[in-house]
Amino acid sequence: MEQPFHTVPAPADPAAARPGGVPGALIAFADAVDQAVALLCRGVLLLVGSALMGVLTANVIARYVLATGGFDWAEEVPQQLFPWFIMAGVAIAVQRGGHIAVEWLLGRLDRGAKRWVLLAGHALVVAAYLGLCRQALEVAGIVAIERSPALGLPGSYGYWAIAAGCALVAIGTVTVAIRIAVLGPEAMPQPVPEEMPT
């Protein structure tokens, strides 16, 4: 069974874990949004990862089999797909607490102050990523006239991936903030120990 998105210890009865009323509805909403984003990102990772592996493998084989030394378009496919792969992983990492954090201040604060510092930090992150999303869309509009030599694809695809990833990071940050506001600082996602760098 998949771990919950937040780190509050799960009681024996899952229904008891959620507060009732509006706070419970907010947590249910955050869980539903996170599950939808995770499903979307996992699908992108699976499809794009498979496509990248297939194209790169085919190109390596073609280098030895074809007199032309491979496919001309095979170098452009990773350039177009890799940003989608990366941004899907970044969005999932937000949900799992997989990003680097400096938390020296939190250890010196009481529970209430931690909650407010975390909420303020999450608000800044949301604002920053929404700003990055807007900038990526503007740049995508500018570079849309550029075409890749072999496939003829617009240069905007990678920037659309960045914009979509920034929007998903902002959404994931909002859902974490909802949990912190309702459940407290203990609701911060924590990566599984196997995923933590040593």
N, C-alpha and C. Protein backbone atom coordinates (compact mmCIF):
# COMPACT_ATOMS: atom_id res chain seq x y z
N MET A 1 0.84 -1.19 0.00
CA MET A 1 0.00 0.00 0.00
C MET A 1 0.88 1.24 0.00
N GLU A 2 0.49 2.23 -0.73
CA GLU A 2 1.27 3.46 -0.87
C GLU A 2 1.19 4.29 0.41
N GLN A 3 2.31 4.93 0.74
CA GLN A 3 2.34 5.78 1.93
C GLN A 3 1.49 7.01 1.72
N PRO A 4 0.89 7.54 2.81
CA PRO A 4 0.15 8.79 2.67
C PRO A 4 1.10 9.92 2.33
N PHE A 5 0.54 11.02 1.80
CA PHE A 5 1.38 12.12 1.39
C PHE A 5 1.94 12.91 2.56
N HIS A 6 1.30 12.86 3.71
CA HIS A 6 1.81 13.61 4.85
C HIS A 6 2.43 12.66 5.86
N THR A 7 3.10 13.21 6.86
CA THR A 7 3.88 12.39 7.78
C THR A 7 3.23 12.20 9.14
N VAL A 8 2.02 12.67 9.32
CA VAL A 8 1.35 12.45 10.59
C VAL A 8 1.13 10.96 10.74
N PRO A 9 1.54 10.36 11.87
CA PRO A 9 1.39 8.91 12.02
C PRO A 9 -0.05 8.48 11.81
N ALA A 10 -0.24 7.43 11.04
CA ALA A 10 -1.58 6.95 10.73
C ALA A 10 -2.11 6.11 11.89
N PRO A 11 -3.29 6.42 12.38
CA PRO A 11 -3.89 5.58 13.42
C PRO A 11 -4.44 4.29 12.82
N ALA A 12 -4.87 3.38 13.69
CA ALA A 12 -5.42 2.12 13.21
C ALA A 12 -6.66 2.35 12.35
N ASP A 13 -7.45 3.34 12.70
CA ASP A 13 -8.66 3.67 11.95
C ASP A 13 -8.37 4.89 11.08
N PRO A 14 -8.26 4.73 9.72
CA PRO A 14 -7.93 5.87 8.86
C PRO A 14 -8.94 7.01 8.96
N ALA A 15 -10.19 6.72 9.26
CA ALA A 15 -11.19 7.78 9.37
C ALA A 15 -10.88 8.70 10.54
N ALA A 16 -10.22 8.16 11.57
CA ALA A 16 -9.88 8.97 12.74
C ALA A 16 -8.74 9.93 12.46
N ALA A 17 -8.01 9.70 11.37
CA ALA A 17 -6.85 10.56 11.06
C ALA A 17 -7.27 11.92 10.56
N ARG A 18 -8.46 12.00 9.99
CA ARG A 18 -8.92 13.26 9.41
C ARG A 18 -9.80 14.01 10.37
N PRO A 19 -9.54 15.31 10.49
CA PRO A 19 -10.47 16.12 11.26
C PRO A 19 -11.80 16.22 10.51
N GLY A 20 -12.86 16.50 11.24
CA GLY A 20 -14.18 16.60 10.61
C GLY A 20 -14.42 18.00 10.06
N GLY A 21 -15.53 18.15 9.38
CA GLY A 21 -15.95 19.46 8.88
C GLY A 21 -15.07 19.98 7.77
N VAL A 22 -14.90 21.31 7.76
CA VAL A 22 -14.11 21.98 6.72
C VAL A 22 -12.66 21.52 6.71
N PRO A 23 -11.99 21.40 7.89
CA PRO A 23 -10.59 20.92 7.84
C PRO A 23 -10.48 19.54 7.21
N GLY A 24 -11.40 18.64 7.53
CA GLY A 24 -11.36 17.30 6.92
C GLY A 24 -11.59 17.35 5.42
N ALA A 25 -12.48 18.24 4.99
CA ALA A 25 -12.74 18.39 3.56
C ALA A 25 -11.50 18.96 2.85
N LEU A 26 -10.80 19.87 3.51
CA LEU A 26 -9.57 20.42 2.92
C LEU A 26 -8.50 19.35 2.76
N ILE A 27 -8.34 18.50 3.76
CA ILE A 27 -7.36 17.42 3.68
C ILE A 27 -7.76 16.44 2.57
N ALA A 28 -9.05 16.11 2.49
CA ALA A 28 -9.52 15.21 1.43
C ALA A 28 -9.27 15.83 0.05
N PHE A 29 -9.51 17.14 -0.07
CA PHE A 29 -9.25 17.84 -1.33
C PHE A 29 -7.76 17.78 -1.68
N ALA A 30 -6.89 18.06 -0.68
CA ALA A 30 -5.44 18.02 -0.92
C ALA A 30 -4.99 16.63 -1.33
N ASP A 31 -5.54 15.59 -0.70
CA ASP A 31 -5.18 14.22 -1.06
C ASP A 31 -5.61 13.90 -2.49
N ALA A 32 -6.84 14.32 -2.86
CA ALA A 32 -7.33 14.04 -4.20
C ALA A 32 -6.49 14.76 -5.26
N VAL A 33 -6.14 16.01 -5.00
CA VAL A 33 -5.31 16.77 -5.95
C VAL A 33 -3.94 16.11 -6.08
N ASP A 34 -3.34 15.74 -4.94
CA ASP A 34 -2.02 15.11 -4.99
C ASP A 34 -2.06 13.78 -5.74
N GLN A 35 -3.11 13.02 -5.53
CA GLN A 35 -3.21 11.74 -6.24
C GLN A 35 -3.35 11.95 -7.74
N ALA A 36 -4.12 12.96 -8.13
CA ALA A 36 -4.28 13.25 -9.57
C ALA A 36 -2.95 13.71 -10.17
N VAL A 37 -2.24 14.59 -9.47
CA VAL A 37 -0.95 15.07 -9.96
C VAL A 37 0.05 13.93 -10.03
N ALA A 38 0.08 13.08 -9.00
CA ALA A 38 1.00 11.95 -8.99
C ALA A 38 0.71 10.99 -10.13
N LEU A 39 -0.57 10.73 -10.39
CA LEU A 39 -0.94 9.84 -11.49
C LEU A 39 -0.49 10.42 -12.83
N LEU A 40 -0.75 11.71 -13.02
CA LEU A 40 -0.32 12.38 -14.25
C LEU A 40 1.19 12.31 -14.42
N CYS A 41 1.92 12.64 -13.36
CA CYS A 41 3.39 12.66 -13.44
C CYS A 41 3.97 11.27 -13.65
N ARG A 42 3.40 10.28 -12.99
CA ARG A 42 3.89 8.90 -13.21
C ARG A 42 3.64 8.46 -14.65
N GLY A 43 2.49 8.85 -15.18
CA GLY A 43 2.20 8.53 -16.58
C GLY A 43 3.21 9.18 -17.51
N VAL A 44 3.52 10.46 -17.25
CA VAL A 44 4.52 11.16 -18.07
C VAL A 44 5.87 10.47 -17.94
N LEU A 45 6.27 10.13 -16.72
CA LEU A 45 7.55 9.46 -16.52
C LEU A 45 7.62 8.13 -17.26
N LEU A 46 6.54 7.36 -17.20
CA LEU A 46 6.51 6.06 -17.87
C LEU A 46 6.56 6.21 -19.38
N LEU A 47 5.69 7.07 -19.92
CA LEU A 47 5.64 7.23 -21.38
C LEU A 47 6.92 7.86 -21.93
N VAL A 48 7.34 8.95 -21.31
CA VAL A 48 8.53 9.65 -21.82
C VAL A 48 9.78 8.81 -21.60
N GLY A 49 9.89 8.18 -20.44
CA GLY A 49 11.05 7.32 -20.19
C GLY A 49 11.14 6.17 -21.18
N SER A 50 10.00 5.56 -21.47
CA SER A 50 9.97 4.47 -22.45
C SER A 50 10.34 4.97 -23.84
N ALA A 51 9.79 6.14 -24.21
CA ALA A 51 10.10 6.71 -25.53
C ALA A 51 11.59 7.05 -25.64
N LEU A 52 12.13 7.66 -24.61
CA LEU A 52 13.56 8.00 -24.63
C LEU A 52 14.41 6.74 -24.76
N MET A 53 14.10 5.73 -23.97
CA MET A 53 14.88 4.49 -24.02
C MET A 53 14.75 3.84 -25.40
N GLY A 54 13.55 3.82 -25.95
CA GLY A 54 13.34 3.22 -27.26
C GLY A 54 14.09 3.93 -28.37
N VAL A 55 14.01 5.26 -28.37
CA VAL A 55 14.67 6.05 -29.42
C VAL A 55 16.19 5.92 -29.30
N LEU A 56 16.71 6.03 -28.09
CA LEU A 56 18.16 5.94 -27.92
C LEU A 56 18.68 4.55 -28.27
N THR A 57 17.95 3.52 -27.89
CA THR A 57 18.36 2.15 -28.23
C THR A 57 18.32 1.94 -29.74
N ALA A 58 17.24 2.40 -30.37
CA ALA A 58 17.13 2.25 -31.83
C ALA A 58 18.25 2.99 -32.54
N ASN A 59 18.61 4.16 -32.04
CA ASN A 59 19.68 4.93 -32.68
C ASN A 59 21.04 4.25 -32.51
N VAL A 60 21.28 3.65 -31.35
CA VAL A 60 22.55 2.94 -31.15
C VAL A 60 22.63 1.75 -32.11
N ILE A 61 21.54 1.02 -32.24
CA ILE A 61 21.53 -0.12 -33.17
C ILE A 61 21.70 0.38 -34.60
N ALA A 62 21.01 1.46 -34.94
CA ALA A 62 21.09 2.00 -36.30
C ALA A 62 22.50 2.47 -36.65
N ARG A 63 23.25 2.92 -35.70
CA ARG A 63 24.63 3.36 -35.97
C ARG A 63 25.48 2.23 -36.51
N TYR A 64 25.20 1.00 -36.07
CA TYR A 64 25.98 -0.14 -36.51
C TYR A 64 25.39 -0.81 -37.74
N VAL A 65 24.10 -0.60 -37.97
CA VAL A 65 23.43 -1.30 -39.07
C VAL A 65 23.32 -0.43 -40.32
N LEU A 66 23.00 0.84 -40.17
CA LEU A 66 22.78 1.71 -41.32
C LEU A 66 24.08 2.38 -41.76
N ALA A 67 24.18 2.60 -43.04
CA ALA A 67 25.37 3.26 -43.59
C ALA A 67 25.42 4.73 -43.20
N THR A 68 24.24 5.32 -42.89
CA THR A 68 24.20 6.74 -42.52
C THR A 68 24.70 6.98 -41.11
N GLY A 69 24.87 5.92 -40.32
CA GLY A 69 25.38 6.08 -38.97
C GLY A 69 24.32 6.45 -37.95
N GLY A 70 23.08 6.14 -38.20
CA GLY A 70 22.02 6.42 -37.24
C GLY A 70 20.94 7.30 -37.84
N PHE A 71 19.98 7.65 -37.00
CA PHE A 71 18.87 8.49 -37.43
C PHE A 71 19.18 9.95 -37.13
N ASP A 72 18.94 10.82 -38.10
CA ASP A 72 19.20 12.25 -37.90
C ASP A 72 18.30 12.84 -36.80
N TRP A 73 17.07 12.37 -36.73
CA TRP A 73 16.09 12.92 -35.80
C TRP A 73 16.27 12.41 -34.38
N ALA A 74 17.06 11.35 -34.18
CA ALA A 74 17.16 10.71 -32.87
C ALA A 74 17.81 11.62 -31.82
N GLU A 75 18.62 12.57 -32.25
CA GLU A 75 19.23 13.48 -31.29
C GLU A 75 18.27 14.56 -30.82
N GLU A 76 17.26 14.85 -31.65
CA GLU A 76 16.30 15.88 -31.29
C GLU A 76 15.22 15.38 -30.34
N VAL A 77 14.90 14.11 -30.39
CA VAL A 77 13.83 13.57 -29.54
C VAL A 77 14.15 13.76 -28.06
N PRO A 78 15.35 13.40 -27.58
CA PRO A 78 15.64 13.65 -26.16
C PRO A 78 15.56 15.14 -25.79
N GLN A 79 15.97 16.02 -26.69
CA GLN A 79 15.89 17.46 -26.40
C GLN A 79 14.45 17.89 -26.19
N GLN A 80 13.52 17.29 -26.92
CA GLN A 80 12.11 17.65 -26.81
C GLN A 80 11.43 16.96 -25.62
N LEU A 81 11.83 15.74 -25.30
CA LEU A 81 11.14 14.96 -24.27
C LEU A 81 11.74 15.07 -22.89
N PHE A 82 13.05 15.27 -22.79
CA PHE A 82 13.71 15.24 -21.48
C PHE A 82 13.17 16.28 -20.51
N PRO A 83 12.86 17.51 -20.93
CA PRO A 83 12.29 18.47 -19.97
C PRO A 83 10.98 17.98 -19.33
N TRP A 84 10.15 17.26 -20.09
CA TRP A 84 8.91 16.71 -19.53
C TRP A 84 9.22 15.66 -18.47
N PHE A 85 10.22 14.84 -18.75
CA PHE A 85 10.64 13.79 -17.82
C PHE A 85 11.13 14.41 -16.51
N ILE A 86 11.98 15.41 -16.61
CA ILE A 86 12.55 16.06 -15.43
C ILE A 86 11.47 16.76 -14.62
N MET A 87 10.62 17.53 -15.26
CA MET A 87 9.62 18.30 -14.52
C MET A 87 8.59 17.39 -13.85
N ALA A 88 8.27 16.25 -14.44
CA ALA A 88 7.36 15.30 -13.78
C ALA A 88 8.00 14.77 -12.50
N GLY A 89 9.29 14.49 -12.56
CA GLY A 89 10.00 14.04 -11.36
C GLY A 89 10.08 15.11 -10.29
N VAL A 90 10.27 16.35 -10.70
CA VAL A 90 10.33 17.47 -9.75
C VAL A 90 9.00 17.61 -9.03
N ALA A 91 7.89 17.50 -9.77
CA ALA A 91 6.57 17.64 -9.16
C ALA A 91 6.30 16.52 -8.15
N ILE A 92 6.71 15.30 -8.47
CA ILE A 92 6.53 14.19 -7.53
C ILE A 92 7.40 14.38 -6.30
N ALA A 93 8.61 14.90 -6.48
CA ALA A 93 9.51 15.12 -5.35
C ALA A 93 8.91 16.11 -4.34
N VAL A 94 8.16 17.10 -4.81
CA VAL A 94 7.51 18.05 -3.90
C VAL A 94 6.56 17.30 -2.98
N GLN A 95 5.78 16.38 -3.53
CA GLN A 95 4.81 15.64 -2.73
C GLN A 95 5.48 14.75 -1.69
N ARG A 96 6.65 14.27 -2.01
CA ARG A 96 7.34 13.32 -1.14
C ARG A 96 8.39 13.96 -0.23
N GLY A 97 8.53 15.27 -0.29
CA GLY A 97 9.53 15.92 0.54
C GLY A 97 10.94 15.62 0.06
N GLY A 98 11.10 15.41 -1.22
CA GLY A 98 12.38 14.98 -1.78
C GLY A 98 13.33 16.10 -2.17
N HIS A 99 12.95 17.35 -1.97
CA HIS A 99 13.83 18.45 -2.31
C HIS A 99 14.70 18.84 -1.12
N ILE A 100 15.81 19.47 -1.42
CA ILE A 100 16.74 19.90 -0.38
C ILE A 100 16.11 21.01 0.43
N ALA A 101 16.28 20.95 1.74
CA ALA A 101 15.74 21.98 2.62
C ALA A 101 16.77 22.32 3.69
N VAL A 102 16.83 23.58 4.05
CA VAL A 102 17.67 24.03 5.16
C VAL A 102 16.71 24.38 6.29
N GLU A 103 16.80 23.62 7.38
CA GLU A 103 15.81 23.77 8.44
C GLU A 103 16.42 24.14 9.78
N TRP A 104 17.47 24.90 9.79
CA TRP A 104 18.11 25.24 11.06
C TRP A 104 17.20 26.11 11.93
N LEU A 105 16.37 26.94 11.32
CA LEU A 105 15.49 27.82 12.08
C LEU A 105 14.34 27.05 12.73
N LEU A 106 13.79 26.06 12.04
CA LEU A 106 12.63 25.35 12.55
C LEU A 106 12.91 24.64 13.88
N GLY A 107 14.11 24.16 14.07
CA GLY A 107 14.46 23.48 15.31
C GLY A 107 14.47 24.40 16.52
N ARG A 108 14.50 25.69 16.30
CA ARG A 108 14.54 26.65 17.40
C ARG A 108 13.17 27.26 17.71
N LEU A 109 12.15 26.85 16.98
CA LEU A 109 10.82 27.44 17.13
C LEU A 109 9.85 26.47 17.79
N ASP A 110 8.83 27.04 18.44
CA ASP A 110 7.77 26.17 18.96
C ASP A 110 6.84 25.78 17.83
N ARG A 111 5.88 24.92 18.13
CA ARG A 111 5.01 24.35 17.11
C ARG A 111 4.22 25.41 16.34
N GLY A 112 3.66 26.39 17.03
CA GLY A 112 2.88 27.43 16.37
C GLY A 112 3.73 28.30 15.45
N ALA A 113 4.92 28.66 15.91
CA ALA A 113 5.81 29.47 15.09
C ALA A 113 6.30 28.68 13.87
N LYS A 114 6.56 27.38 14.07
CA LYS A 114 6.96 26.53 12.93
C LYS A 114 5.88 26.55 11.86
N ARG A 115 4.63 26.43 12.29
CA ARG A 115 3.52 26.42 11.33
C ARG A 115 3.53 27.70 10.50
N TRP A 116 3.68 28.85 11.15
CA TRP A 116 3.63 30.13 10.42
C TRP A 116 4.84 30.32 9.52
N VAL A 117 6.01 29.89 9.97
CA VAL A 117 7.21 30.00 9.12
C VAL A 117 7.06 29.09 7.90
N LEU A 118 6.57 27.87 8.12
CA LEU A 118 6.38 26.95 7.00
C LEU A 118 5.34 27.48 6.01
N LEU A 119 4.24 28.02 6.52
CA LEU A 119 3.21 28.57 5.64
C LEU A 119 3.74 29.76 4.85
N ALA A 120 4.52 30.62 5.50
CA ALA A 120 5.10 31.77 4.80
C ALA A 120 6.08 31.29 3.72
N GLY A 121 6.89 30.31 4.07
CA GLY A 121 7.83 29.76 3.09
C GLY A 121 7.12 29.12 1.91
N HIS A 122 6.04 28.41 2.19
CA HIS A 122 5.28 27.79 1.10
C HIS A 122 4.61 28.84 0.23
N ALA A 123 4.15 29.92 0.83
CA ALA A 123 3.55 31.00 0.03
C ALA A 123 4.59 31.61 -0.91
N LEU A 124 5.82 31.79 -0.42
CA LEU A 124 6.89 32.32 -1.28
C LEU A 124 7.21 31.35 -2.41
N VAL A 125 7.25 30.07 -2.11
CA VAL A 125 7.54 29.07 -3.14
C VAL A 125 6.45 29.07 -4.21
N VAL A 126 5.19 29.13 -3.79
CA VAL A 126 4.08 29.16 -4.75
C VAL A 126 4.20 30.39 -5.65
N ALA A 127 4.45 31.56 -5.03
CA ALA A 127 4.58 32.79 -5.82
C ALA A 127 5.75 32.69 -6.80
N ALA A 128 6.88 32.14 -6.34
CA ALA A 128 8.05 32.02 -7.21
C ALA A 128 7.78 31.09 -8.39
N TYR A 129 7.16 29.96 -8.14
CA TYR A 129 6.91 29.01 -9.22
C TYR A 129 5.83 29.49 -10.18
N LEU A 130 4.85 30.22 -9.68
CA LEU A 130 3.87 30.80 -10.60
C LEU A 130 4.52 31.87 -11.48
N GLY A 131 5.46 32.64 -10.89
CA GLY A 131 6.22 33.60 -11.69
C GLY A 131 7.07 32.92 -12.73
N LEU A 132 7.73 31.82 -12.35
CA LEU A 132 8.53 31.05 -13.31
C LEU A 132 7.65 30.46 -14.41
N CYS A 133 6.47 30.00 -14.04
CA CYS A 133 5.52 29.46 -15.03
C CYS A 133 5.18 30.54 -16.05
N ARG A 134 4.86 31.72 -15.57
CA ARG A 134 4.51 32.82 -16.48
C ARG A 134 5.67 33.16 -17.40
N GLN A 135 6.88 33.22 -16.85
CA GLN A 135 8.06 33.54 -17.67
C GLN A 135 8.32 32.45 -18.70
N ALA A 136 8.17 31.19 -18.31
CA ALA A 136 8.39 30.09 -19.25
C ALA A 136 7.39 30.16 -20.41
N LEU A 137 6.15 30.53 -20.12
CA LEU A 137 5.16 30.66 -21.18
C LEU A 137 5.49 31.82 -22.12
N GLU A 138 6.01 32.91 -21.55
CA GLU A 138 6.42 34.04 -22.39
C GLU A 138 7.58 33.65 -23.31
N VAL A 139 8.56 32.95 -22.74
CA VAL A 139 9.70 32.53 -23.56
C VAL A 139 9.24 31.51 -24.61
N ALA A 140 8.30 30.63 -24.23
CA ALA A 140 7.78 29.66 -25.20
C ALA A 140 7.15 30.37 -26.40
N GLY A 141 6.45 31.46 -26.14
CA GLY A 141 5.87 32.22 -27.23
C GLY A 141 6.92 32.84 -28.14
N ILE A 142 8.04 33.24 -27.55
CA ILE A 142 9.12 33.86 -28.33
C ILE A 142 9.83 32.83 -29.21
N VAL A 143 10.14 31.67 -28.63
CA VAL A 143 10.94 30.68 -29.37
C VAL A 143 10.09 29.74 -30.21
N ALA A 144 8.78 29.95 -30.24
CA ALA A 144 7.91 29.08 -31.03
C ALA A 144 8.22 29.15 -32.52
N ILE A 145 8.82 30.25 -32.96
CA ILE A 145 9.14 30.38 -34.38
C ILE A 145 10.37 29.55 -34.78
N GLU A 146 11.21 29.21 -33.80
CA GLU A 146 12.39 28.38 -34.09
C GLU A 146 11.93 26.94 -34.32
N ARG A 147 12.51 26.29 -35.31
CA ARG A 147 12.16 24.90 -35.63
C ARG A 147 13.40 24.03 -35.54
N SER A 148 13.20 22.82 -35.03
CA SER A 148 14.32 21.88 -34.98
C SER A 148 14.62 21.41 -36.41
N PRO A 149 15.90 21.19 -36.73
CA PRO A 149 16.28 20.90 -38.11
C PRO A 149 15.67 19.62 -38.69
N ALA A 150 15.66 18.54 -37.95
CA ALA A 150 15.21 17.25 -38.51
C ALA A 150 13.70 17.05 -38.35
N LEU A 151 13.17 17.32 -37.18
CA LEU A 151 11.75 17.06 -36.93
C LEU A 151 10.84 18.25 -37.26
N GLY A 152 11.41 19.43 -37.31
CA GLY A 152 10.62 20.61 -37.60
C GLY A 152 9.70 21.04 -36.47
N LEU A 153 10.02 20.62 -35.24
CA LEU A 153 9.19 20.96 -34.08
C LEU A 153 9.56 22.35 -33.56
N PRO A 154 8.57 23.07 -33.02
CA PRO A 154 8.88 24.40 -32.49
C PRO A 154 9.76 24.31 -31.24
N GLY A 155 10.54 25.34 -31.02
CA GLY A 155 11.43 25.37 -29.87
C GLY A 155 10.71 25.61 -28.55
N SER A 156 9.41 25.72 -28.59
CA SER A 156 8.64 26.04 -27.38
C SER A 156 8.30 24.82 -26.53
N TYR A 157 8.45 23.60 -27.06
CA TYR A 157 8.03 22.42 -26.31
C TYR A 157 8.71 22.30 -24.95
N GLY A 158 9.99 22.52 -24.90
CA GLY A 158 10.71 22.43 -23.64
C GLY A 158 10.25 23.46 -22.63
N TYR A 159 9.92 24.64 -23.12
CA TYR A 159 9.44 25.70 -22.22
C TYR A 159 8.03 25.42 -21.73
N TRP A 160 7.23 24.75 -22.55
CA TRP A 160 5.91 24.34 -22.08
C TRP A 160 6.05 23.33 -20.95
N ALA A 161 7.06 22.45 -21.05
CA ALA A 161 7.31 21.48 -19.99
C ALA A 161 7.70 22.19 -18.70
N ILE A 162 8.55 23.19 -18.82
CA ILE A 162 8.95 23.95 -17.63
C ILE A 162 7.75 24.65 -17.01
N ALA A 163 6.91 25.26 -17.85
CA ALA A 163 5.72 25.94 -17.35
C ALA A 163 4.78 24.96 -16.66
N ALA A 164 4.54 23.82 -17.28
CA ALA A 164 3.65 22.82 -16.68
C ALA A 164 4.23 22.30 -15.38
N GLY A 165 5.53 22.04 -15.36
CA GLY A 165 6.18 21.56 -14.14
C GLY A 165 6.12 22.58 -13.02
N CYS A 166 6.33 23.85 -13.36
CA CYS A 166 6.25 24.90 -12.33
C CYS A 166 4.83 25.00 -11.77
N ALA A 167 3.84 24.88 -12.64
CA ALA A 167 2.44 24.91 -12.17
C ALA A 167 2.16 23.73 -11.25
N LEU A 168 2.66 22.54 -11.60
CA LEU A 168 2.45 21.37 -10.75
C LEU A 168 3.19 21.48 -9.43
N VAL A 169 4.39 22.07 -9.44
CA VAL A 169 5.11 22.30 -8.19
C VAL A 169 4.33 23.27 -7.30
N ALA A 170 3.77 24.32 -7.90
CA ALA A 170 2.97 25.27 -7.13
C ALA A 170 1.75 24.57 -6.54
N ILE A 171 1.09 23.73 -7.32
CA ILE A 171 -0.08 22.99 -6.82
C ILE A 171 0.32 22.06 -5.68
N GLY A 172 1.41 21.34 -5.86
CA GLY A 172 1.89 20.45 -4.80
C GLY A 172 2.26 21.20 -3.54
N THR A 173 2.83 22.38 -3.69
CA THR A 173 3.19 23.19 -2.53
C THR A 173 1.94 23.69 -1.81
N VAL A 174 0.90 24.02 -2.56
CA VAL A 174 -0.36 24.44 -1.95
C VAL A 174 -0.97 23.29 -1.15
N THR A 175 -0.95 22.08 -1.68
CA THR A 175 -1.54 20.96 -0.94
C THR A 175 -0.76 20.66 0.33
N VAL A 176 0.57 20.79 0.28
CA VAL A 176 1.36 20.62 1.50
C VAL A 176 1.01 21.71 2.50
N ALA A 177 0.86 22.94 2.02
CA ALA A 177 0.51 24.06 2.91
C ALA A 177 -0.86 23.85 3.54
N ILE A 178 -1.79 23.29 2.80
CA ILE A 178 -3.11 22.99 3.37
C ILE A 178 -2.97 22.03 4.54
N ARG A 179 -2.17 20.99 4.36
CA ARG A 179 -1.97 20.02 5.44
C ARG A 179 -1.29 20.66 6.65
N ILE A 180 -0.31 21.53 6.39
CA ILE A 180 0.38 22.20 7.49
C ILE A 180 -0.60 23.10 8.24
N ALA A 181 -1.44 23.82 7.51
CA ALA A 181 -2.40 24.73 8.15
C ALA A 181 -3.40 23.95 9.00
N VAL A 182 -3.83 22.78 8.51
CA VAL A 182 -4.85 22.01 9.23
C VAL A 182 -4.24 21.12 10.31
N LEU A 183 -3.17 20.41 9.98
CA LEU A 183 -2.62 19.40 10.87
C LEU A 183 -1.41 19.86 11.67
N GLY A 184 -0.76 20.92 11.23
CA GLY A 184 0.43 21.40 11.92
C GLY A 184 1.70 21.05 11.18
N PRO A 185 2.85 21.47 11.73
CA PRO A 185 4.13 21.26 11.03
C PRO A 185 4.50 19.79 10.86
N GLU A 186 3.87 18.90 11.64
CA GLU A 186 4.16 17.47 11.49
C GLU A 186 3.70 16.94 10.14
N ALA A 187 2.86 17.69 9.44
CA ALA A 187 2.34 17.25 8.15
C ALA A 187 3.31 17.48 7.00
N MET A 188 4.47 18.05 7.29
CA MET A 188 5.48 18.22 6.23
C MET A 188 5.86 16.85 5.70
N PRO A 189 5.88 16.69 4.38
CA PRO A 189 6.26 15.38 3.83
C PRO A 189 7.73 15.08 4.13
N GLN A 190 7.99 13.83 4.43
CA GLN A 190 9.34 13.36 4.71
C GLN A 190 9.68 12.24 3.73
N PRO A 191 10.85 12.30 3.10
CA PRO A 191 11.19 11.22 2.17
C PRO A 191 11.46 9.93 2.93
N VAL A 192 11.27 8.83 2.23
CA VAL A 192 11.60 7.55 2.85
C VAL A 192 13.11 7.51 3.06
N PRO A 193 13.59 6.89 4.15
CA PRO A 193 15.03 6.92 4.44
C PRO A 193 15.91 6.44 3.30
N GLU A 194 15.42 5.48 2.49
CA GLU A 194 16.21 4.96 1.38
C GLU A 194 16.46 6.02 0.32
N GLU A 195 15.60 7.05 0.25
CA GLU A 195 15.73 8.07 -0.78
C GLU A 195 16.56 9.27 -0.30
N MET A 196 16.93 9.29 0.97
CA MET A 196 17.68 10.44 1.51
C MET A 196 19.17 10.27 1.22
N PRO A 197 19.82 11.35 0.76
CA PRO A 197 21.26 11.25 0.51
C PRO A 197 22.02 11.15 1.83
N THR A 198 23.14 10.45 1.78
CA THR A 198 23.95 10.30 3.01
C THR A 198 25.28 10.97 2.82
